[in-house]
C-alpha atoms as a PDB file:
ATOM      1  CA  UNK A   1     150.184 -26.918-109.713  1.00  0.00           C
ATOM      2  CA  UNK A   2     152.278 -27.811-106.704  1.00  0.00           C
ATOM      3  CA  UNK A   3     154.900 -30.555-107.081  1.00  0.00           C
ATOM      4  CA  UNK A   4     155.910 -30.792-103.426  1.00  0.00           C
ATOM      5  CA  UNK A   5     157.704 -34.088-102.691  1.00  0.00           C
ATOM      6  CA  UNK A   6     157.237 -35.374-106.234  1.00  0.00           C
ATOM      7  CA  UNK A   7     160.350 -36.810-107.881  1.00  0.00           C
ATOM      8  CA  UNK A   8     160.822 -35.521-111.419  1.00  0.00           C
ATOM      9  CA  UNK A   9     163.513 -36.535-113.912  1.00  0.00           C
ATOM     10  CA  UNK A  10     164.292 -33.887-116.537  1.00  0.00           C
ATOM     11  CA  UNK A  11     166.662 -34.876-119.334  1.00  0.00           C
ATOM     12  CA  UNK A  12     168.586 -32.268-121.298  1.00  0.00           C
ATOM     13  CA  UNK A  13     168.403 -30.041-118.234  1.00  0.00           C
ATOM     14  CA  UNK A  14     171.691 -28.177-118.643  1.00  0.00           C
ATOM     15  CA  UNK A  15     170.339 -25.456-120.966  1.00  0.00           C
ATOM     16  CA  UNK A  16     167.371 -24.049-122.846  1.00  0.00           C
ATOM     17  CA  UNK A  17     163.913 -25.521-122.364  1.00  0.00           C
ATOM     18  CA  UNK A  18     165.215 -28.217-119.994  1.00  0.00           C
ATOM     19  CA  UNK A  19     166.754 -25.586-117.743  1.00  0.00           C
ATOM     20  CA  UNK A  20     163.504 -23.603-117.730  1.00  0.00           C
ATOM     21  CA  UNK A  21     161.510 -26.726-116.839  1.00  0.00           C
ATOM     22  CA  UNK A  22     163.895 -27.599-114.005  1.00  0.00           C
ATOM     23  CA  UNK A  23     163.748 -24.118-112.486  1.00  0.00           C
ATOM     24  CA  UNK A  24     159.958 -23.902-112.724  1.00  0.00           C
ATOM     25  CA  UNK A  25     159.419 -27.279-111.068  1.00  0.00           C
ATOM     26  CA  UNK A  26     162.035 -26.582-108.403  1.00  0.00           C
ATOM     27  CA  UNK A  27     160.110 -23.448-107.492  1.00  0.00           C
ATOM     28  CA  UNK A  28     157.021 -25.599-107.072  1.00  0.00           C
ATOM     29  CA  UNK A  29     158.694 -27.995-104.672  1.00  0.00           C
ATOM     30  CA  UNK A  30     159.760 -30.875-106.914  1.00  0.00           C
ATOM     31  CA  UNK A  31     162.679 -33.127-106.031  1.00  0.00           C
ATOM     32  CA  UNK A  32     164.716 -33.186-109.196  1.00  0.00           C
ATOM     33  CA  UNK A  33     166.998 -35.542-111.089  1.00  0.00           C
ATOM     34  CA  UNK A  34     168.655 -33.464-113.797  1.00  0.00           C
ATOM     35  CA  UNK A  35     170.431 -35.190-116.662  1.00  0.00           C
ATOM     36  CA  UNK A  36     172.732 -33.484-119.152  1.00  0.00           C
ATOM     37  CA  UNK A  37     176.041 -33.740-120.998  1.00  0.00           C
ATOM     38  CA  UNK A  38     177.586 -30.417-119.997  1.00  0.00           C
ATOM     39  CA  UNK A  39     178.833 -30.874-116.441  1.00  0.00           C
ATOM     40  CA  UNK A  40     179.544 -27.197-115.764  1.00  0.00           C
ATOM     41  CA  UNK A  41     176.183 -25.997-117.057  1.00  0.00           C
ATOM     42  CA  UNK A  42     174.345 -28.781-115.260  1.00  0.00           C
ATOM     43  CA  UNK A  43     176.008 -27.817-111.982  1.00  0.00           C
ATOM     44  CA  UNK A  44     174.896 -24.197-112.431  1.00  0.00           C
ATOM     45  CA  UNK A  45     171.320 -25.259-113.107  1.00  0.00           C
ATOM     46  CA  UNK A  46     171.401 -27.548-110.078  1.00  0.00           C
ATOM     47  CA  UNK A  47     172.606 -24.707-107.859  1.00  0.00           C
ATOM     48  CA  UNK A  48     169.815 -22.425-109.064  1.00  0.00           C
ATOM     49  CA  UNK A  49     167.249 -25.152-108.415  1.00  0.00           C
ATOM     50  CA  UNK A  50     168.550 -25.779-104.891  1.00  0.00           C
ATOM     51  CA  UNK A  51     168.000 -22.129-104.093  1.00  0.00           C
ATOM     52  CA  UNK A  52     164.299 -22.545-104.863  1.00  0.00           C
ATOM     53  CA  UNK A  53     162.241 -24.017-101.999  1.00  0.00           C
ATOM     54  CA  UNK A  54     165.256 -26.038-100.821  1.00  0.00           C
ATOM     55  CA  UNK A  55     164.755 -28.660-103.510  1.00  0.00           C
ATOM     56  CA  UNK A  56     166.601 -31.979-103.379  1.00  0.00           C
ATOM     57  CA  UNK A  57     168.520 -31.990-106.655  1.00  0.00           C
ATOM     58  CA  UNK A  58     170.587 -34.779-108.200  1.00  0.00           C
ATOM     59  CA  UNK A  59     172.806 -33.938-111.173  1.00  0.00           C
ATOM     60  CA  UNK A  60     173.520 -36.798-113.579  1.00  0.00           C
ATOM     61  CA  UNK A  61     176.174 -36.206-116.212  1.00  0.00           C
ATOM     62  CA  UNK A  62     175.375 -38.626-119.034  1.00  0.00           C
ATOM     63  CA  UNK A  63     175.201 -38.857-122.811  1.00  0.00           C
ATOM     64  CA  UNK A  64     171.792 -40.267-123.679  1.00  0.00           C
ATOM     65  CA  UNK A  65     172.989 -41.095-127.182  1.00  0.00           C
ATOM     66  CA  UNK A  66     174.585 -44.160-125.555  1.00  0.00           C
ATOM     67  CA  UNK A  67     172.889 -47.073-123.817  1.00  0.00           C
ATOM     68  CA  UNK A  68     175.330 -46.605-120.931  1.00  0.00           C
ATOM     69  CA  UNK A  69     174.203 -43.013-120.480  1.00  0.00           C
ATOM     70  CA  UNK A  70     170.535 -43.987-120.500  1.00  0.00           C
ATOM     71  CA  UNK A  71     171.073 -46.815-118.021  1.00  0.00           C
ATOM     72  CA  UNK A  72     173.121 -44.572-115.718  1.00  0.00           C
ATOM     73  CA  UNK A  73     170.403 -41.913-115.744  1.00  0.00           C
ATOM     74  CA  UNK A  74     167.691 -44.401-114.801  1.00  0.00           C
ATOM     75  CA  UNK A  75     169.787 -46.162-112.153  1.00  0.00           C
ATOM     76  CA  UNK A  76     171.131 -43.025-110.482  1.00  0.00           C
ATOM     77  CA  UNK A  77     167.636 -41.525-110.261  1.00  0.00           C
ATOM     78  CA  UNK A  78     166.113 -44.544-108.546  1.00  0.00           C
ATOM     79  CA  UNK A  79     169.167 -45.205-106.353  1.00  0.00           C
ATOM     80  CA  UNK A  80     169.011 -41.644-105.035  1.00  0.00           C
ATOM     81  CA  UNK A  81     165.257 -41.066-104.682  1.00  0.00           C
ATOM     82  CA  UNK A  82     163.823 -44.589-104.559  1.00  0.00           C
ATOM     83  CA  UNK A  83     160.877 -43.570-106.713  1.00  0.00           C
ATOM     84  CA  UNK A  84     159.794 -41.545-109.740  1.00  0.00           C
ATOM     85  CA  UNK A  85     156.621 -39.524-110.258  1.00  0.00           C
ATOM     86  CA  UNK A  86     157.262 -37.663-113.515  1.00  0.00           C
ATOM     87  CA  UNK A  87     159.584 -38.392-116.446  1.00  0.00           C
ATOM     88  CA  UNK A  88     160.248 -35.450-118.755  1.00  0.00           C
ATOM     89  CA  UNK A  89     161.994 -36.593-121.941  1.00  0.00           C
ATOM     90  CA  UNK A  90     163.414 -33.268-123.065  1.00  0.00           C
ATOM     91  CA  UNK A  91     166.929 -34.094-124.329  1.00  0.00           C
ATOM     92  CA  UNK A  92     167.228 -33.746-128.070  1.00  0.00           C
ATOM     93  CA  UNK A  93     169.648 -32.778-130.805  1.00  0.00           C
ATOM     94  CA  UNK A  94     169.260 -31.365-134.276  1.00  0.00           C
ATOM     95  CA  UNK A  95     171.274 -31.487-137.466  1.00  0.00           C
ATOM     96  CA  UNK A  96     172.413 -28.585-139.576  1.00  0.00           C
ATOM     97  CA  UNK A  97     170.710 -28.740-142.982  1.00  0.00           C
ATOM     98  CA  UNK A  98     170.302 -32.415-143.852  1.00  0.00           C
ATOM     99  CA  UNK A  99     168.997 -33.322-147.289  1.00  0.00           C
ATOM    100  CA  UNK A 100     168.110 -36.687-148.798  1.00  0.00           C
ATOM    101  CA  UNK A 101     171.091 -36.675-151.165  1.00  0.00           C
ATOM    102  CA  UNK A 102     173.639 -36.137-148.378  1.00  0.00           C
ATOM    103  CA  UNK A 103     176.006 -39.133-148.479  1.00  0.00           C
ATOM    104  CA  UNK A 104     176.957 -39.065-144.787  1.00  0.00           C
ATOM    105  CA  UNK A 105     174.572 -40.960-142.492  1.00  0.00           C
ATOM    106  CA  UNK A 106     176.303 -39.916-139.258  1.00  0.00           C
ATOM    107  CA  UNK A 107     173.946 -37.002-138.593  1.00  0.00           C
ATOM    108  CA  UNK A 108     170.908 -39.229-139.180  1.00  0.00           C
ATOM    109  CA  UNK A 109     172.240 -41.854-136.749  1.00  0.00           C
ATOM    110  CA  UNK A 110     173.176 -39.292-134.084  1.00  0.00           C
ATOM    111  CA  UNK A 111     169.788 -37.565-134.165  1.00  0.00           C
ATOM    112  CA  UNK A 112     167.837 -40.819-134.046  1.00  0.00           C
ATOM    113  CA  UNK A 113     169.974 -42.226-131.214  1.00  0.00           C
ATOM    114  CA  UNK A 114     169.242 -39.237-129.002  1.00  0.00           C
ATOM    115  CA  UNK A 115     165.749 -38.204-130.041  1.00  0.00           C
ATOM    116  CA  UNK A 116     164.140 -41.631-130.464  1.00  0.00           C
ATOM    117  CA  UNK A 117     166.202 -44.551-129.178  1.00  0.00           C
ATOM    118  CA  UNK A 118     167.155 -42.834-125.910  1.00  0.00           C
ATOM    119  CA  UNK A 119     163.564 -41.805-125.196  1.00  0.00           C
ATOM    120  CA  UNK A 120     162.309 -45.325-125.921  1.00  0.00           C
ATOM    121  CA  UNK A 121     164.989 -46.933-123.767  1.00  0.00           C
ATOM    122  CA  UNK A 122     164.715 -44.549-120.806  1.00  0.00           C
ATOM    123  CA  UNK A 123     160.941 -44.792-120.799  1.00  0.00           C
ATOM    124  CA  UNK A 124     161.112 -48.594-120.968  1.00  0.00           C
ATOM    125  CA  UNK A 125     163.463 -48.713-117.981  1.00  0.00           C
ATOM    126  CA  UNK A 126     161.467 -46.300-115.823  1.00  0.00           C
ATOM    127  CA  UNK A 127     157.862 -47.165-116.743  1.00  0.00           C
ATOM    128  CA  UNK A 128     157.582 -49.759-113.920  1.00  0.00           C
ATOM    129  CA  UNK A 129     158.497 -47.046-111.403  1.00  0.00           C
ATOM    130  CA  UNK A 130     155.844 -44.736-112.832  1.00  0.00           C
ATOM    131  CA  UNK A 131     153.278 -47.520-112.561  1.00  0.00           C
ATOM    132  CA  UNK A 132     154.109 -47.763-108.846  1.00  0.00           C
ATOM    133  CA  UNK A 133     153.400 -44.056-108.304  1.00  0.00           C
ATOM    134  CA  UNK A 134     150.679 -43.698-110.957  1.00  0.00           C
ATOM    135  CA  UNK A 135     152.903 -41.029-112.390  1.00  0.00           C
ATOM    136  CA  UNK A 136     153.165 -39.533-115.848  1.00  0.00           C
ATOM    137  CA  UNK A 137     155.462 -38.808-118.790  1.00  0.00           C
ATOM    138  CA  UNK A 138     155.881 -35.601-120.780  1.00  0.00           C
ATOM    139  CA  UNK A 139     157.832 -35.783-124.038  1.00  0.00           C
ATOM    140  CA  UNK A 140     159.212 -32.618-125.609  1.00  0.00           C
ATOM    141  CA  UNK A 141     158.488 -32.809-129.316  1.00  0.00           C
ATOM    142  CA  UNK A 142     158.403 -30.079-131.992  1.00  0.00           C
ATOM    143  CA  UNK A 143     156.014 -28.726-134.585  1.00  0.00           C
ATOM    144  CA  UNK A 144     158.657 -29.979-137.032  1.00  0.00           C
ATOM    145  CA  UNK A 145     157.132 -33.416-136.491  1.00  0.00           C
ATOM    146  CA  UNK A 146     153.999 -32.360-138.371  1.00  0.00           C
ATOM    147  CA  UNK A 147     155.234 -29.395-140.470  1.00  0.00           C
ATOM    148  CA  UNK A 148     157.525 -30.490-143.312  1.00  0.00           C
ATOM    149  CA  UNK A 149     160.427 -28.259-144.278  1.00  0.00           C
ATOM    150  CA  UNK A 150     163.457 -28.702-146.499  1.00  0.00           C
ATOM    151  CA  UNK A 151     166.714 -29.259-144.631  1.00  0.00           C
ATOM    152  CA  UNK A 152     165.474 -30.725-141.349  1.00  0.00           C
ATOM    153  CA  UNK A 153     164.750 -34.249-142.579  1.00  0.00           C
ATOM    154  CA  UNK A 154     166.187 -36.462-139.786  1.00  0.00           C
ATOM    155  CA  UNK A 155     165.111 -34.094-137.002  1.00  0.00           C
ATOM    156  CA  UNK A 156     161.549 -33.826-138.324  1.00  0.00           C
ATOM    157  CA  UNK A 157     161.361 -37.600-138.679  1.00  0.00           C
ATOM    158  CA  UNK A 158     162.413 -38.092-135.059  1.00  0.00           C
ATOM    159  CA  UNK A 159     159.778 -35.690-133.789  1.00  0.00           C
ATOM    160  CA  UNK A 160     157.070 -37.384-135.843  1.00  0.00           C
ATOM    161  CA  UNK A 161     158.225 -40.671-134.315  1.00  0.00           C
ATOM    162  CA  UNK A 162     158.117 -39.140-130.840  1.00  0.00           C
ATOM    163  CA  UNK A 163     154.529 -37.955-131.355  1.00  0.00           C
ATOM    164  CA  UNK A 164     153.451 -41.463-132.359  1.00  0.00           C
ATOM    165  CA  UNK A 165     155.449 -42.981-129.497  1.00  0.00           C
ATOM    166  CA  UNK A 166     153.533 -40.680-127.155  1.00  0.00           C
ATOM    167  CA  UNK A 167     150.175 -41.848-128.467  1.00  0.00           C
ATOM    168  CA  UNK A 168     151.104 -45.532-128.540  1.00  0.00           C
ATOM    169  CA  UNK A 169     152.437 -45.734-124.992  1.00  0.00           C
ATOM    170  CA  UNK A 170     149.602 -43.553-123.717  1.00  0.00           C
ATOM    171  CA  UNK A 171     147.273 -46.347-124.812  1.00  0.00           C
ATOM    172  CA  UNK A 172     149.564 -49.047-123.459  1.00  0.00           C
ATOM    173  CA  UNK A 173     150.064 -47.472-120.039  1.00  0.00           C
ATOM    174  CA  UNK A 174     146.594 -45.997-119.451  1.00  0.00           C
ATOM    175  CA  UNK A 175     145.214 -49.211-117.885  1.00  0.00           C
ATOM    176  CA  UNK A 176     148.157 -49.062-115.466  1.00  0.00           C
ATOM    177  CA  UNK A 177     147.333 -45.511-114.392  1.00  0.00           C
ATOM    178  CA  UNK A 178     150.215 -43.749-116.182  1.00  0.00           C
ATOM    179  CA  UNK A 179     149.501 -40.710-118.357  1.00  0.00           C
ATOM    180  CA  UNK A 180     151.675 -39.798-121.370  1.00  0.00           C
ATOM    181  CA  UNK A 181     151.615 -36.491-123.241  1.00  0.00           C
ATOM    182  CA  UNK A 182     153.851 -34.405-125.482  1.00  0.00           C
ATOM    183  CA  UNK A 183     154.470 -30.672-125.666  1.00  0.00           C
ATOM    184  CA  UNK A 184     155.321 -29.428-129.159  1.00  0.00           C
ATOM    185  CA  UNK A 185     157.217 -26.111-129.285  1.00  0.00           C
ATOM    186  CA  UNK A 186     157.686 -24.000-132.394  1.00  0.00           C
ATOM    187  CA  UNK A 187     160.148 -21.124-132.679  1.00  0.00           C
ATOM    188  CA  UNK A 188     161.512 -20.783-129.142  1.00  0.00           C
ATOM    189  CA  UNK A 189     164.207 -18.605-127.646  1.00  0.00           C
ATOM    190  CA  UNK A 190     166.710 -21.172-126.351  1.00  0.00           C
ATOM    191  CA  UNK A 191     170.194 -22.475-127.037  1.00  0.00           C
ATOM    192  CA  UNK A 192     169.024 -25.049-129.597  1.00  0.00           C
ATOM    193  CA  UNK A 193     169.533 -23.016-132.773  1.00  0.00           C
ATOM    194  CA  UNK A 194     172.802 -21.545-131.508  1.00  0.00           C
ATOM    195  CA  UNK A 195     174.216 -25.036-131.049  1.00  0.00           C
ATOM    196  CA  UNK A 196     173.451 -25.784-134.703  1.00  0.00           C
ATOM    197  CA  UNK A 197     174.989 -22.606-136.073  1.00  0.00           C
ATOM    198  CA  UNK A 198     177.895 -20.245-135.611  1.00  0.00           C
ATOM    199  CA  UNK A 199     175.593 -17.343-134.787  1.00  0.00           C
ATOM    200  CA  UNK A 200     176.802 -14.567-132.554  1.00  0.00           C
ATOM    201  CA  UNK A 201     174.256 -13.345-129.970  1.00  0.00           C
ATOM    202  CA  UNK A 202     173.408 -10.499-132.332  1.00  0.00           C
ATOM    203  CA  UNK A 203     172.883 -12.836-135.279  1.00  0.00           C
ATOM    204  CA  UNK A 204     170.717 -15.123-133.173  1.00  0.00           C
ATOM    205  CA  UNK A 205     168.586 -12.167-132.069  1.00  0.00           C
ATOM    206  CA  UNK A 206     168.155 -11.201-135.723  1.00  0.00           C
ATOM    207  CA  UNK A 207     167.183 -14.800-136.622  1.00  0.00           C
ATOM    208  CA  UNK A 208     164.570 -14.849-133.840  1.00  0.00           C
ATOM    209  CA  UNK A 209     163.142 -11.530-135.002  1.00  0.00           C
ATOM    210  CA  UNK A 210     162.791 -12.702-138.610  1.00  0.00           C
ATOM    211  CA  UNK A 211     161.446 -16.104-137.606  1.00  0.00           C
ATOM    212  CA  UNK A 212     158.955 -14.435-135.272  1.00  0.00           C
ATOM    213  CA  UNK A 213     157.462 -12.456-138.141  1.00  0.00           C
ATOM    214  CA  UNK A 214     156.262 -15.747-139.638  1.00  0.00           C
ATOM    215  CA  UNK A 215     154.438 -16.718-136.430  1.00  0.00           C
ATOM    216  CA  UNK A 216     150.774 -15.637-136.199  1.00  0.00           C
ATOM    217  CA  UNK A 217     151.342 -14.155-132.730  1.00  0.00           C
ATOM    218  CA  UNK A 218     154.303 -12.278-134.170  1.00  0.00           C
ATOM    219  CA  UNK A 219     157.096 -13.508-131.921  1.00  0.00           C
ATOM    220  CA  UNK A 220     159.119 -16.491-130.767  1.00  0.00           C
ATOM    221  CA  UNK A 221     158.059 -18.256-127.590  1.00  0.00           C
ATOM    222  CA  UNK A 222     160.148 -18.072-124.437  1.00  0.00           C
ATOM    223  CA  UNK A 223     161.504 -21.253-122.852  1.00  0.00           C
ATOM    224  CA  UNK A 224     159.570 -20.456-119.660  1.00  0.00           C
ATOM    225  CA  UNK A 225     156.313 -20.530-121.667  1.00  0.00           C
ATOM    226  CA  UNK A 226     157.081 -24.039-122.848  1.00  0.00           C
ATOM    227  CA  UNK A 227     157.968 -25.001-119.275  1.00  0.00           C
ATOM    228  CA  UNK A 228     154.591 -23.727-118.074  1.00  0.00           C
ATOM    229  CA  UNK A 229     152.781 -26.082-120.476  1.00  0.00           C
ATOM    230  CA  UNK A 230     154.976 -28.973-119.343  1.00  0.00           C
ATOM    231  CA  UNK A 231     154.063 -28.287-115.725  1.00  0.00           C
ATOM    232  CA  UNK A 232     150.374 -28.094-116.587  1.00  0.00           C
ATOM    233  CA  UNK A 233     150.470 -31.451-118.401  1.00  0.00           C
ATOM    234  CA  UNK A 234     152.456 -33.109-115.602  1.00  0.00           C
ATOM    235  CA  UNK A 235     150.312 -31.750-112.767  1.00  0.00           C
ATOM    236  CA  UNK A 236     148.062 -34.097-110.834  1.00  0.00           C
ATOM    237  CA  UNK A 237     145.126 -31.869-111.722  1.00  0.00           C
ATOM    238  CA  UNK A 238     145.455 -32.908-115.371  1.00  0.00           C
ATOM    239  CA  UNK A 239     144.394 -36.427-114.429  1.00  0.00           C
ATOM    240  CA  UNK A 240     142.316 -37.028-117.585  1.00  0.00           C
ATOM    241  CA  UNK A 241     144.899 -35.722-120.047  1.00  0.00           C
ATOM    242  CA  UNK A 242     146.738 -38.462-121.903  1.00  0.00           C
ATOM    243  CA  UNK A 243     147.829 -39.145-125.475  1.00  0.00           C
ATOM    244  CA  UNK A 244     147.819 -35.439-126.337  1.00  0.00           C
ATOM    245  CA  UNK A 245     150.404 -33.621-128.450  1.00  0.00           C
ATOM    246  CA  UNK A 246     150.005 -29.986-127.417  1.00  0.00           C
ATOM    247  CA  UNK A 247     151.517 -27.212-129.564  1.00  0.00           C
ATOM    248  CA  UNK A 248     153.017 -24.133-127.901  1.00  0.00           C
ATOM    249  CA  UNK A 249     154.022 -22.316-131.063  1.00  0.00           C
ATOM    250  CA  UNK A 250     152.203 -18.989-131.266  1.00  0.00           C
ATOM    251  CA  UNK A 251     149.918 -20.457-133.916  1.00  0.00           C
ATOM    252  CA  UNK A 252     152.735 -21.471-136.278  1.00  0.00           C
ATOM    253  CA  UNK A 253     151.253 -24.916-136.907  1.00  0.00           C
ATOM    254  CA  UNK A 254     147.962 -23.251-137.913  1.00  0.00           C
ATOM    255  CA  UNK A 255     149.725 -21.313-140.656  1.00  0.00           C
ATOM    256  CA  UNK A 256     150.494 -24.511-142.568  1.00  0.00           C
ATOM    257  CA  UNK A 257     153.569 -25.964-144.199  1.00  0.00           C
ATOM    258  CA  UNK A 258     154.052 -22.893-146.353  1.00  0.00           C
ATOM    259  CA  UNK A 259     155.590 -21.068-143.413  1.00  0.00           C
ATOM    260  CA  UNK A 260     157.522 -23.959-141.907  1.00  0.00           C
ATOM    261  CA  UNK A 261     160.669 -23.067-143.816  1.00  0.00           C
ATOM    262  CA  UNK A 262     161.320 -20.235-141.362  1.00  0.00           C
ATOM    263  CA  UNK A 263     162.469 -22.891-138.924  1.00  0.00           C
ATOM    264  CA  UNK A 264     165.411 -23.933-141.075  1.00  0.00           C
ATOM    265  CA  UNK A 265     166.143 -21.506-143.881  1.00  0.00           C
ATOM    266  CA  UNK A 266     168.749 -19.516-141.937  1.00  0.00           C
ATOM    267  CA  UNK A 267     170.440 -22.520-140.331  1.00  0.00           C
ATOM    268  CA  UNK A 268     172.402 -23.445-143.450  1.00  0.00           C
END
């Protein structure tokens, strides 16, 4: 799965799964556009990627919750590289314990702006470039999109929407030679939960350990494992794979909704 000379845009690349994806693809020769909100973290990720196979790396500081941020990300990528081979829609945000009776809609709006509207808009802007290269798109979803749990209402809705978006545009773009797939992580060691809570590193380790006991394989996934599935889906060798939503969850989605509460019960 070599990505030599391919231009790949990774959103949400300043931490967690996005960082792992960027580093893996840099090591396989990709030329990278990395988008993120945290300038300092994004710079550190960019430096690590440059040290791997001498990759050409562009850092784009942008908030994809805004149309301006989405437009800047698309424009800067094409202005710098002149082409795009792979779009990885990884950027996403969660909300800390949202229930139907909550009166404040701000969390709902924020999550949908980033997790759905931004993905739709960025994909719309860059799809013509992917048609030119017969490239592909990988969306980072979540098993929350198909496993209901109390407290993650807006986030779960956005991931269900992302799964259907993946299938719909896979059909739309297939005649144009563009593949579209989604990778659906479960419990994963990353910065995502820590951003939603006030956990210390010790508390987060304890949360991962408890959550992992509810996973059939008995542990949380590592961000690098998710990145490996992203690379496999994006690789040219996967030329017949499109419209798939692929879980990388240690079997969590097989266990059914009865166990899905482990994803949110300690994030209150």
